[in-house]
PDB file of N, CA and C in Angstrom:
ATOM      1  N   UNK A   1      96.639  93.528  75.261  1.00  0.00           N
ATOM      2  CA  UNK A   1      96.448  94.873  74.833  1.00  0.00           C
ATOM      3  C   UNK A   1      96.300  95.522  76.330  1.00  0.00           C
ATOM      4  N   UNK A   2      96.916  96.631  76.605  1.00  0.00           N
ATOM      5  CA  UNK A   2      97.222  97.462  77.655  1.00  0.00           C
ATOM      6  C   UNK A   2      96.097  98.158  77.960  1.00  0.00           C
ATOM      7  N   UNK A   3      96.172  98.706  79.401  1.00  0.00           N
ATOM      8  CA  UNK A   3      94.901  99.553  79.644  1.00  0.00           C
ATOM      9  C   UNK A   3      95.294 100.695  80.539  1.00  0.00           C
ATOM     10  N   UNK A   4      95.021 101.983  79.684  1.00  0.00           N
ATOM     11  CA  UNK A   4      95.935 103.368  79.894  1.00  0.00           C
ATOM     12  C   UNK A   4      94.662 104.378  80.461  1.00  0.00           C
ATOM     13  N   UNK A   5      95.344 104.976  81.261  1.00  0.00           N
ATOM     14  CA  UNK A   5      94.581 106.387  81.706  1.00  0.00           C
ATOM     15  C   UNK A   5      95.035 107.971  81.366  1.00  0.00           C
ATOM     16  N   UNK A   6      94.478 109.024  81.546  1.00  0.00           N
ATOM     17  CA  UNK A   6      95.277 110.259  81.352  1.00  0.00           C
ATOM     18  C   UNK A   6      94.779 110.891  82.869  1.00  0.00           C
ATOM     19  N   UNK A   7      95.667 111.384  83.516  1.00  0.00           N
ATOM     20  CA  UNK A   7      95.325 112.123  84.496  1.00  0.00           C
ATOM     21  C   UNK A   7      95.855 113.442  84.349  1.00  0.00           C
ATOM     22  N   UNK A   8      95.072 114.593  84.881  1.00  0.00           N
ATOM     23  CA  UNK A   8      94.924 116.103  84.173  1.00  0.00           C
ATOM     24  C   UNK A   8      95.469 116.177  85.354  1.00  0.00           C
ATOM     25  N   UNK A   9      96.490 117.016  85.856  1.00  0.00           N
ATOM     26  CA  UNK A   9      97.048 117.734  87.185  1.00  0.00           C
ATOM     27  C   UNK A   9      97.138 119.032  87.188  1.00  0.00           C
ATOM     28  N   UNK A  10      96.524 119.620  88.715  1.00  0.00           N
ATOM     29  CA  UNK A  10      96.768 121.068  88.939  1.00  0.00           C
ATOM     30  C   UNK A  10      97.546 121.141  90.039  1.00  0.00           C
ATOM     31  N   UNK A  11      98.756 121.969  89.761  1.00  0.00           N
ATOM     32  CA  UNK A  11      99.087 122.364  91.071  1.00  0.00           C
ATOM     33  C   UNK A  11      98.315 122.933  92.270  1.00  0.00           C
ATOM     34  N   UNK A  12      98.928 122.676  93.315  1.00  0.00           N
ATOM     35  CA  UNK A  12      98.359 123.642  94.758  1.00  0.00           C
ATOM     36  C   UNK A  12      98.659 125.055  94.830  1.00  0.00           C
ATOM     37  N   UNK A  13      97.356 125.762  94.824  1.00  0.00           N
ATOM     38  CA  UNK A  13      97.719 127.070  94.880  1.00  0.00           C
ATOM     39  C   UNK A  13      98.790 127.544  95.800  1.00  0.00           C
ATOM     40  N   UNK A  14      99.361 128.186  95.107  1.00  0.00           N
ATOM     41  CA  UNK A  14     100.808 129.077  95.874  1.00  0.00           C
ATOM     42  C   UNK A  14     101.945 128.403  95.778  1.00  0.00           C
ATOM     43  N   UNK A  15     101.894 127.311  94.948  1.00  0.00           N
ATOM     44  CA  UNK A  15     103.113 126.006  94.707  1.00  0.00           C
ATOM     45  C   UNK A  15     103.807 126.820  93.434  1.00  0.00           C
ATOM     46  N   UNK A  16     105.157 126.577  93.129  1.00  0.00           N
ATOM     47  CA  UNK A  16     105.529 127.067  92.093  1.00  0.00           C
ATOM     48  C   UNK A  16     105.710 125.862  91.343  1.00  0.00           C
ATOM     49  N   UNK A  17     105.799 126.063  89.979  1.00  0.00           N
ATOM     50  CA  UNK A  17     105.819 124.868  88.595  1.00  0.00           C
ATOM     51  C   UNK A  17     107.059 124.123  89.239  1.00  0.00           C
ATOM     52  N   UNK A  18     108.337 124.604  89.250  1.00  0.00           N
ATOM     53  CA  UNK A  18     109.152 123.902  89.784  1.00  0.00           C
ATOM     54  C   UNK A  18     109.130 123.039  91.095  1.00  0.00           C
ATOM     55  N   UNK A  19     108.628 123.494  91.888  1.00  0.00           N
ATOM     56  CA  UNK A  19     108.185 122.528  93.497  1.00  0.00           C
ATOM     57  C   UNK A  19     107.213 121.468  92.978  1.00  0.00           C
ATOM     58  N   UNK A  20     106.134 121.851  92.428  1.00  0.00           N
ATOM     59  CA  UNK A  20     105.303 120.838  92.143  1.00  0.00           C
ATOM     60  C   UNK A  20     105.788 119.728  91.071  1.00  0.00           C
ATOM     61  N   UNK A  21     106.835 120.146  89.916  1.00  0.00           N
ATOM     62  CA  UNK A  21     107.284 119.019  89.720  1.00  0.00           C
ATOM     63  C   UNK A  21     108.038 118.370  90.221  1.00  0.00           C
ATOM     64  N   UNK A  22     109.146 118.795  91.417  1.00  0.00           N
ATOM     65  CA  UNK A  22     109.948 118.444  92.208  1.00  0.00           C
ATOM     66  C   UNK A  22     109.341 117.403  92.687  1.00  0.00           C
ATOM     67  N   UNK A  23     108.341 117.902  93.493  1.00  0.00           N
ATOM     68  CA  UNK A  23     107.624 116.875  94.514  1.00  0.00           C
ATOM     69  C   UNK A  23     106.935 115.824  93.671  1.00  0.00           C
ATOM     70  N   UNK A  24     106.598 115.959  92.412  1.00  0.00           N
ATOM     71  CA  UNK A  24     105.672 114.718  91.721  1.00  0.00           C
ATOM     72  C   UNK A  24     106.687 113.786  91.431  1.00  0.00           C
ATOM     73  N   UNK A  25     107.957 114.372  90.750  1.00  0.00           N
ATOM     74  CA  UNK A  25     109.242 113.194  90.097  1.00  0.00           C
ATOM     75  C   UNK A  25     109.996 112.424  91.580  1.00  0.00           C
ATOM     76  N   UNK A  26     109.962 113.195  92.869  1.00  0.00           N
ATOM     77  CA  UNK A  26     111.201 112.652  93.392  1.00  0.00           C
ATOM     78  C   UNK A  26     110.239 112.042  94.815  1.00  0.00           C
ATOM     79  N   UNK A  27     109.183 112.477  94.839  1.00  0.00           N
ATOM     80  CA  UNK A  27     108.003 111.709  96.389  1.00  0.00           C
ATOM     81  C   UNK A  27     106.637 111.473  95.746  1.00  0.00           C
ATOM     82  N   UNK A  28     106.085 111.628  95.038  1.00  0.00           N
ATOM     83  CA  UNK A  28     104.669 111.197  94.542  1.00  0.00           C
ATOM     84  C   UNK A  28     104.906 109.924  93.584  1.00  0.00           C
ATOM     85  N   UNK A  29     105.799 110.057  92.586  1.00  0.00           N
ATOM     86  CA  UNK A  29     106.118 109.097  92.322  1.00  0.00           C
ATOM     87  C   UNK A  29     106.538 107.792  92.677  1.00  0.00           C
ATOM     88  N   UNK A  30     107.605 107.547  92.888  1.00  0.00           N
ATOM     89  CA  UNK A  30     108.109 106.794  93.487  1.00  0.00           C
ATOM     90  C   UNK A  30     106.999 106.085  94.797  1.00  0.00           C
ATOM     91  N   UNK A  31     106.284 106.958  95.376  1.00  0.00           N
ATOM     92  CA  UNK A  31     105.594 106.672  96.293  1.00  0.00           C
ATOM     93  C   UNK A  31     104.505 105.827  95.553  1.00  0.00           C
ATOM     94  N   UNK A  32     104.095 106.212  94.223  1.00  0.00           N
ATOM     95  CA  UNK A  32     102.769 105.540  93.339  1.00  0.00           C
ATOM     96  C   UNK A  32     103.468 103.992  93.254  1.00  0.00           C
ATOM     97  N   UNK A  33     104.572 104.394  92.770  1.00  0.00           N
ATOM     98  CA  UNK A  33     104.751 103.320  91.966  1.00  0.00           C
ATOM     99  C   UNK A  33     105.102 101.834  92.681  1.00  0.00           C
ATOM    100  N   UNK A  34     105.561 102.325  94.202  1.00  0.00           N
ATOM    101  CA  UNK A  34     105.894 100.963  94.738  1.00  0.00           C
ATOM    102  C   UNK A  34     104.514 100.754  95.695  1.00  0.00           C
ATOM    103  N   UNK A  35     103.345 101.599  95.525  1.00  0.00           N
ATOM    104  CA  UNK A  35     102.065 100.943  96.651  1.00  0.00           C
ATOM    105  C   UNK A  35     101.122 100.562  95.693  1.00  0.00           C
ATOM    106  N   UNK A  36     101.375 100.546  94.297  1.00  0.00           N
ATOM    107  CA  UNK A  36     100.579 100.348  92.935  1.00  0.00           C
ATOM    108  C   UNK A  36     101.684  99.439  91.987  1.00  0.00           C
ATOM    109  N   UNK A  37     101.802  98.514  92.366  1.00  0.00           N
ATOM    110  CA  UNK A  37     103.020  97.591  91.471  1.00  0.00           C
ATOM    111  C   UNK A  37     102.220  96.825  89.781  1.00  0.00           C
ATOM    112  N   UNK A  38     100.806  97.189  89.826  1.00  0.00           N
ATOM    113  CA  UNK A  38      99.757  97.216  88.717  1.00  0.00           C
ATOM    114  C   UNK A  38     100.343  98.225  87.769  1.00  0.00           C
ATOM    115  N   UNK A  39     101.113  99.470  87.689  1.00  0.00           N
ATOM    116  CA  UNK A  39     101.168 100.407  86.909  1.00  0.00           C
ATOM    117  C   UNK A  39     102.829  99.793  85.877  1.00  0.00           C
ATOM    118  N   UNK A  40     102.589  99.723  84.881  1.00  0.00           N
ATOM    119  CA  UNK A  40     103.338  99.241  84.168  1.00  0.00           C
ATOM    120  C   UNK A  40     104.333 100.420  83.188  1.00  0.00           C
ATOM    121  N   UNK A  41     103.725 101.308  83.375  1.00  0.00           N
ATOM    122  CA  UNK A  41     104.861 102.389  82.598  1.00  0.00           C
ATOM    123  C   UNK A  41     103.934 103.915  83.046  1.00  0.00           C
ATOM    124  N   UNK A  42     104.500 104.581  83.350  1.00  0.00           N
ATOM    125  CA  UNK A  42     104.253 105.830  84.005  1.00  0.00           C
ATOM    126  C   UNK A  42     104.855 107.430  83.046  1.00  0.00           C
ATOM    127  N   UNK A  43     104.314 107.839  82.429  1.00  0.00           N
ATOM    128  CA  UNK A  43     104.640 109.065  81.667  1.00  0.00           C
ATOM    129  C   UNK A  43     104.411 110.332  82.026  1.00  0.00           C
ATOM    130  N   UNK A  44     105.178 111.183  82.503  1.00  0.00           N
ATOM    131  CA  UNK A  44     104.334 112.879  82.796  1.00  0.00           C
ATOM    132  C   UNK A  44     104.982 113.312  81.237  1.00  0.00           C
ATOM    133  N   UNK A  45     103.650 114.645  81.289  1.00  0.00           N
ATOM    134  CA  UNK A  45     103.731 115.770  80.091  1.00  0.00           C
ATOM    135  C   UNK A  45     103.881 116.656  81.067  1.00  0.00           C
ATOM    136  N   UNK A  46     104.917 117.923  81.295  1.00  0.00           N
ATOM    137  CA  UNK A  46     104.424 118.845  81.794  1.00  0.00           C
ATOM    138  C   UNK A  46     104.064 120.107  80.998  1.00  0.00           C
ATOM    139  N   UNK A  47     103.155 121.038  80.949  1.00  0.00           N
ATOM    140  CA  UNK A  47     102.633 122.013  79.532  1.00  0.00           C
ATOM    141  C   UNK A  47     104.128 122.826  79.527  1.00  0.00           C
ATOM    142  N   UNK A  48     104.472 122.836  78.827  1.00  0.00           N
ATOM    143  CA  UNK A  48     105.559 124.054  78.498  1.00  0.00           C
ATOM    144  C   UNK A  48     104.908 125.481  78.461  1.00  0.00           C
ATOM    145  N   UNK A  49     105.941 126.360  79.105  1.00  0.00           N
ATOM    146  CA  UNK A  49     105.308 127.850  78.837  1.00  0.00           C
ATOM    147  C   UNK A  49     105.248 128.365  77.390  1.00  0.00           C
ATOM    148  N   UNK A  50     103.715 128.490  77.497  1.00  0.00           N
ATOM    149  CA  UNK A  50     103.675 128.769  76.131  1.00  0.00           C
ATOM    150  C   UNK A  50     102.842 127.893  75.188  1.00  0.00           C
ATOM    151  N   UNK A  51     102.908 126.806  75.500  1.00  0.00           N
ATOM    152  CA  UNK A  51     103.281 125.572  74.644  1.00  0.00           C
ATOM    153  C   UNK A  51     101.473 125.082  74.550  1.00  0.00           C
ATOM    154  N   UNK A  52     100.329 125.815  75.046  1.00  0.00           N
ATOM    155  CA  UNK A  52      99.021 125.312  74.770  1.00  0.00           C
ATOM    156  C   UNK A  52      98.008 126.464  74.126  1.00  0.00           C
ATOM    157  N   UNK A  53      97.135 125.931  73.531  1.00  0.00           N
ATOM    158  CA  UNK A  53      96.881 126.607  72.585  1.00  0.00           C
ATOM    159  C   UNK A  53      95.136 125.802  72.451  1.00  0.00           C
ATOM    160  N   UNK A  54      94.700 126.655  73.000  1.00  0.00           N
ATOM    161  CA  UNK A  54      92.896 125.869  72.608  1.00  0.00           C
ATOM    162  C   UNK A  54      92.163 127.305  72.171  1.00  0.00           C
ATOM    163  N   UNK A  55      91.151 127.055  71.364  1.00  0.00           N
ATOM    164  CA  UNK A  55      89.788 128.020  70.775  1.00  0.00           C
ATOM    165  C   UNK A  55      89.387 128.810  72.143  1.00  0.00           C
ATOM    166  N   UNK A  56      88.989 129.977  71.872  1.00  0.00           N
ATOM    167  CA  UNK A  56      88.234 130.820  73.061  1.00  0.00           C
ATOM    168  C   UNK A  56      86.930 129.978  73.481  1.00  0.00           C
ATOM    169  N   UNK A  57      86.378 129.345  72.837  1.00  0.00           N
ATOM    170  CA  UNK A  57      85.109 128.942  73.138  1.00  0.00           C
ATOM    171  C   UNK A  57      85.378 127.282  74.106  1.00  0.00           C
ATOM    172  N   UNK A  58      86.640 126.630  74.288  1.00  0.00           N
ATOM    173  CA  UNK A  58      87.137 125.518  74.766  1.00  0.00           C
ATOM    174  C   UNK A  58      87.777 125.727  75.961  1.00  0.00           C
ATOM    175  N   UNK A  59      88.527 127.548  76.201  1.00  0.00           N
ATOM    176  CA  UNK A  59      89.540 127.998  77.164  1.00  0.00           C
ATOM    177  C   UNK A  59      90.299 127.649  77.468  1.00  0.00           C
ATOM    178  N   UNK A  60      91.398 128.172  78.096  1.00  0.00           N
ATOM    179  CA  UNK A  60      92.496 127.670  78.560  1.00  0.00           C
ATOM    180  C   UNK A  60      92.226 126.465  79.500  1.00  0.00           C
ATOM    181  N   UNK A  61      92.985 125.729  79.433  1.00  0.00           N
ATOM    182  CA  UNK A  61      92.616 124.192  80.685  1.00  0.00           C
ATOM    183  C   UNK A  61      93.966 125.074  81.543  1.00  0.00           C
ATOM    184  N   UNK A  62      93.504 124.673  83.063  1.00  0.00           N
ATOM    185  CA  UNK A  62      94.850 125.092  84.282  1.00  0.00           C
ATOM    186  C   UNK A  62      96.020 124.337  84.381  1.00  0.00           C
ATOM    187  N   UNK A  63      95.922 122.809  83.821  1.00  0.00           N
ATOM    188  CA  UNK A  63      96.599 121.568  83.921  1.00  0.00           C
ATOM    189  C   UNK A  63      98.328 122.128  83.947  1.00  0.00           C
ATOM    190  N   UNK A  64      98.609 121.626  84.742  1.00  0.00           N
ATOM    191  CA  UNK A  64     100.421 121.567  85.138  1.00  0.00           C
ATOM    192  C   UNK A  64     101.100 120.322  84.242  1.00  0.00           C
ATOM    193  N   UNK A  65     100.213 119.355  84.364  1.00  0.00           N
ATOM    194  CA  UNK A  65     100.761 118.370  83.701  1.00  0.00           C
ATOM    195  C   UNK A  65      99.607 116.921  83.688  1.00  0.00           C
ATOM    196  N   UNK A  66      99.846 116.405  82.314  1.00  0.00           N
ATOM    197  CA  UNK A  66      99.303 115.261  81.914  1.00  0.00           C
ATOM    198  C   UNK A  66     100.051 114.230  81.685  1.00  0.00           C
ATOM    199  N   UNK A  67      99.547 113.400  82.276  1.00  0.00           N
ATOM    200  CA  UNK A  67     100.287 112.242  83.160  1.00  0.00           C
ATOM    201  C   UNK A  67      99.458 111.133  82.160  1.00  0.00           C
ATOM    202  N   UNK A  68     100.230 109.825  81.504  1.00  0.00           N
ATOM    203  CA  UNK A  68      99.931 108.780  81.047  1.00  0.00           C
ATOM    204  C   UNK A  68     100.167 107.460  81.319  1.00  0.00           C
ATOM    205  N   UNK A  69      99.165 106.921  82.280  1.00  0.00           N
ATOM    206  CA  UNK A  69      99.590 105.835  83.006  1.00  0.00           C
ATOM    207  C   UNK A  69      98.937 104.320  82.538  1.00  0.00           C
ATOM    208  N   UNK A  70      99.515 103.482  82.249  1.00  0.00           N
ATOM    209  CA  UNK A  70      99.445 102.012  81.935  1.00  0.00           C
ATOM    210  C   UNK A  70      99.274 100.784  82.642  1.00  0.00           C
ATOM    211  N   UNK A  71      98.616 100.082  82.727  1.00  0.00           N
ATOM    212  CA  UNK A  71      98.368  98.680  83.340  1.00  0.00           C
ATOM    213  C   UNK A  71      98.139  97.937  82.080  1.00  0.00           C
ATOM    214  N   UNK A  72      98.425  96.631  82.648  1.00  0.00           N
ATOM    215  CA  UNK A  72      98.813  95.630  81.552  1.00  0.00           C
ATOM    216  C   UNK A  72      97.239  95.298  81.130  1.00  0.00           C
ATOM    217  N   UNK A  73      96.160  95.719  82.004  1.00  0.00           N
ATOM    218  CA  UNK A  73      95.068  94.999  81.832  1.00  0.00           C
ATOM    219  C   UNK A  73      93.848  95.498  82.733  1.00  0.00           C
ATOM    220  N   UNK A  74      92.471  95.901  82.504  1.00  0.00           N
ATOM    221  CA  UNK A  74      91.563  96.729  83.345  1.00  0.00           C
ATOM    222  C   UNK A  74      91.399  96.449  84.637  1.00  0.00           C
ATOM    223  N   UNK A  75      92.224  94.713  85.071  1.00  0.00           N
ATOM    224  CA  UNK A  75      91.796  94.836  86.379  1.00  0.00           C
ATOM    225  C   UNK A  75      92.767  94.943  86.986  1.00  0.00           C
ATOM    226  N   UNK A  76      94.295  95.200  86.237  1.00  0.00           N
ATOM    227  CA  UNK A  76      95.049  96.176  87.045  1.00  0.00           C
ATOM    228  C   UNK A  76      94.655  97.471  87.276  1.00  0.00           C
ATOM    229  N   UNK A  77      94.112  98.154  86.683  1.00  0.00           N
ATOM    230  CA  UNK A  77      93.740  99.572  86.891  1.00  0.00           C
ATOM    231  C   UNK A  77      92.842  99.070  88.420  1.00  0.00           C
ATOM    232  N   UNK A  78      91.875  98.132  88.136  1.00  0.00           N
ATOM    233  CA  UNK A  78      90.774  98.267  88.783  1.00  0.00           C
ATOM    234  C   UNK A  78      91.581  97.745  90.597  1.00  0.00           C
ATOM    235  N   UNK A  79      92.765  97.044  90.215  1.00  0.00           N
ATOM    236  CA  UNK A  79      92.985  96.568  91.650  1.00  0.00           C
ATOM    237  C   UNK A  79      93.847  97.832  92.116  1.00  0.00           C
ATOM    238  N   UNK A  80      94.224  98.769  91.330  1.00  0.00           N
ATOM    239  CA  UNK A  80      94.723  99.682  91.851  1.00  0.00           C
ATOM    240  C   UNK A  80      93.814 101.140  92.751  1.00  0.00           C
ATOM    241  N   UNK A  81      92.403 101.047  91.896  1.00  0.00           N
ATOM    242  CA  UNK A  81      91.584 101.891  91.907  1.00  0.00           C
ATOM    243  C   UNK A  81      91.044 101.135  94.033  1.00  0.00           C
ATOM    244  N   UNK A  82      90.938  99.900  94.232  1.00  0.00           N
ATOM    245  CA  UNK A  82      90.486  99.061  95.131  1.00  0.00           C
ATOM    246  C   UNK A  82      91.641  99.289  96.045  1.00  0.00           C
ATOM    247  N   UNK A  83      93.147  99.641  96.013  1.00  0.00           N
ATOM    248  CA  UNK A  83      93.807  99.720  96.753  1.00  0.00           C
ATOM    249  C   UNK A  83      93.727 101.570  97.327  1.00  0.00           C
ATOM    250  N   UNK A  84      93.222 101.990  96.829  1.00  0.00           N
ATOM    251  CA  UNK A  84      92.745 103.720  97.464  1.00  0.00           C
ATOM    252  C   UNK A  84      92.139 103.461  98.691  1.00  0.00           C
ATOM    253  N   UNK A  85      91.516 102.582  98.810  1.00  0.00           N
ATOM    254  CA  UNK A  85      90.855 102.662 100.350  1.00  0.00           C
ATOM    255  C   UNK A  85      91.372 101.663 101.141  1.00  0.00           C
ATOM    256  N   UNK A  86      92.478 101.856 101.270  1.00  0.00           N
ATOM    257  CA  UNK A  86      94.097 100.464 102.079  1.00  0.00           C
ATOM    258  C   UNK A  86      94.491 101.952 103.104  1.00  0.00           C
ATOM    259  N   UNK A  87      95.471 101.443 103.412  1.00  0.00           N
ATOM    260  CA  UNK A  87      95.977 103.020 104.431  1.00  0.00           C
ATOM    261  C   UNK A  87      97.355 102.937 103.292  1.00  0.00           C
ATOM    262  N   UNK A  88      97.450 101.858 102.418  1.00  0.00           N
ATOM    263  CA  UNK A  88      98.896 102.486 101.845  1.00  0.00           C
ATOM    264  C   UNK A  88      98.134 103.629 100.585  1.00  0.00           C
ATOM    265  N   UNK A  89      96.810 103.654 100.222  1.00  0.00           N
ATOM    266  CA  UNK A  89      95.793 104.101  99.358  1.00  0.00           C
ATOM    267  C   UNK A  89      95.705 105.502 100.040  1.00  0.00           C
ATOM    268  N   UNK A  90      95.787 105.684 101.455  1.00  0.00           N
ATOM    269  CA  UNK A  90      95.480 106.799 101.638  1.00  0.00           C
ATOM    270  C   UNK A  90      96.715 107.674 102.358  1.00  0.00           C
ATOM    271  N   UNK A  91      97.997 106.902 102.068  1.00  0.00           N
ATOM    272  CA  UNK A  91      99.064 107.313 102.095  1.00  0.00           C
ATOM    273  C   UNK A  91      99.239 108.231 100.691  1.00  0.00           C
ATOM    274  N   UNK A  92      99.313 107.885  99.904  1.00  0.00           N
ATOM    275  CA  UNK A  92      98.872 108.731  98.146  1.00  0.00           C
ATOM    276  C   UNK A  92      97.910 109.821  98.249  1.00  0.00           C
ATOM    277  N   UNK A  93      96.666 109.678  98.969  1.00  0.00           N
ATOM    278  CA  UNK A  93      96.122 110.739  98.973  1.00  0.00           C
ATOM    279  C   UNK A  93      96.289 111.762  99.806  1.00  0.00           C
ATOM    280  N   UNK A  94      96.804 111.691 100.954  1.00  0.00           N
ATOM    281  CA  UNK A  94      97.537 112.536 101.685  1.00  0.00           C
ATOM    282  C   UNK A  94      98.804 113.073 100.501  1.00  0.00           C
ATOM    283  N   UNK A  95      99.576 112.732 100.495  1.00  0.00           N
ATOM    284  CA  UNK A  95     100.434 113.245  99.825  1.00  0.00           C
ATOM    285  C   UNK A  95      99.645 114.361  98.363  1.00  0.00           C
ATOM    286  N   UNK A  96      99.180 113.539  97.541  1.00  0.00           N
ATOM    287  CA  UNK A  96      98.369 114.616  96.985  1.00  0.00           C
ATOM    288  C   UNK A  96      97.726 115.800  97.200  1.00  0.00           C
ATOM    289  N   UNK A  97      97.597 116.198  98.428  1.00  0.00           N
ATOM    290  CA  UNK A  97      97.056 116.947  99.476  1.00  0.00           C
ATOM    291  C   UNK A  97      98.562 117.772  99.287  1.00  0.00           C
ATOM    292  N   UNK A  98      99.518 117.619  99.302  1.00  0.00           N
ATOM    293  CA  UNK A  98     100.854 118.178  99.362  1.00  0.00           C
ATOM    294  C   UNK A  98     101.303 119.344  98.271  1.00  0.00           C
ATOM    295  N   UNK A  99     101.066 118.482  97.088  1.00  0.00           N
ATOM    296  CA  UNK A  99     100.955 119.527  96.057  1.00  0.00           C
ATOM    297  C   UNK A  99      99.827 119.468  94.589  1.00  0.00           C
ATOM    298  N   UNK A 100      98.557 118.916  94.851  1.00  0.00           N
ATOM    299  CA  UNK A 100      97.691 118.954  93.691  1.00  0.00           C
ATOM    300  C   UNK A 100      96.397 119.636  94.375  1.00  0.00           C
ATOM    301  N   UNK A 101      95.894 120.562  93.498  1.00  0.00           N
ATOM    302  CA  UNK A 101      94.478 121.314  93.752  1.00  0.00           C
ATOM    303  C   UNK A 101      93.310 120.069  93.166  1.00  0.00           C
ATOM    304  N   UNK A 102      93.367 118.754  94.231  1.00  0.00           N
ATOM    305  CA  UNK A 102      92.235 117.830  94.008  1.00  0.00           C
ATOM    306  C   UNK A 102      91.413 118.467  93.019  1.00  0.00           C
ATOM    307  N   UNK A 103      90.551 119.230  93.641  1.00  0.00           N
ATOM    308  CA  UNK A 103      89.115 119.768  93.054  1.00  0.00           C
ATOM    309  C   UNK A 103      89.061 120.040  91.790  1.00  0.00           C
ATOM    310  N   UNK A 104      90.374 120.473  91.266  1.00  0.00           N
ATOM    311  CA  UNK A 104      90.742 120.848  89.467  1.00  0.00           C
ATOM    312  C   UNK A 104      91.416 119.495  88.196  1.00  0.00           C
ATOM    313  N   UNK A 105      91.642 118.550  89.779  1.00  0.00           N
ATOM    314  CA  UNK A 105      92.331 117.099  88.610  1.00  0.00           C
ATOM    315  C   UNK A 105      91.222 116.342  88.283  1.00  0.00           C
ATOM    316  N   UNK A 106      91.754 115.972  87.277  1.00  0.00           N
ATOM    317  CA  UNK A 106      90.783 114.732  86.697  1.00  0.00           C
ATOM    318  C   UNK A 106      91.332 113.295  85.819  1.00  0.00           C
ATOM    319  N   UNK A 107      90.582 112.748  85.830  1.00  0.00           N
ATOM    320  CA  UNK A 107      91.356 111.633  84.814  1.00  0.00           C
ATOM    321  C   UNK A 107      90.593 111.075  83.874  1.00  0.00           C
ATOM    322  N   UNK A 108      90.490 110.155  83.237  1.00  0.00           N
ATOM    323  CA  UNK A 108      89.913 109.714  82.225  1.00  0.00           C
ATOM    324  C   UNK A 108      90.453 107.997  81.222  1.00  0.00           C
ATOM    325  N   UNK A 109      89.688 107.357  81.533  1.00  0.00           N
ATOM    326  CA  UNK A 109      90.244 105.894  80.484  1.00  0.00           C
ATOM    327  C   UNK A 109      90.068 106.268  79.293  1.00  0.00           C
ATOM    328  N   UNK A 110      91.285 105.490  78.724  1.00  0.00           N
ATOM    329  CA  UNK A 110      91.352 106.138  76.940  1.00  0.00           C
ATOM    330  C   UNK A 110      91.815 105.030  76.113  1.00  0.00           C
ATOM    331  N   UNK A 111      91.082 104.975  74.664  1.00  0.00           N
ATOM    332  CA  UNK A 111      91.847 103.766  73.976  1.00  0.00           C
ATOM    333  C   UNK A 111      92.814 104.418  73.115  1.00  0.00           C
ATOM    334  N   UNK A 112      94.013 103.787  73.466  1.00  0.00           N
ATOM    335  CA  UNK A 112      94.748 104.096  72.075  1.00  0.00           C
ATOM    336  C   UNK A 112      95.390 103.393  71.045  1.00  0.00           C
ATOM    337  N   UNK A 113      95.256 104.208  69.977  1.00  0.00           N
ATOM    338  CA  UNK A 113      95.339 103.674  68.466  1.00  0.00           C
ATOM    339  C   UNK A 113      96.490 104.484  68.124  1.00  0.00           C
ATOM    340  N   UNK A 114      97.607 104.014  67.040  1.00  0.00           N
ATOM    341  CA  UNK A 114      98.390 104.185  66.153  1.00  0.00           C
ATOM    342  C   UNK A 114      97.920 104.129  65.003  1.00  0.00           C
TER     343      UNK A 114
END
């Protein structure tokens, strides 16, 4: 059974949606896939204009993208997390500062069913 996380991403203040998407697709994603070979699938979901509807009690989240990231198992995810403390992981974190508002981003582990 695969292991999956969802990442909720918010672009850096002052960055256009187009620049955010371009950086994510052309710079960050290739770097992440090279740095973390444990990732077996990475799907990006960009929030469509007018496409989010939440009740007033919940409020409108500021996400620009929700990414689904799969690993073969939990140990693959844990290996990725451990690699974040290496020089290669530092390169990922430095790149995130170029396009993400990291204080407003988050992730969660999910159980997937159909």
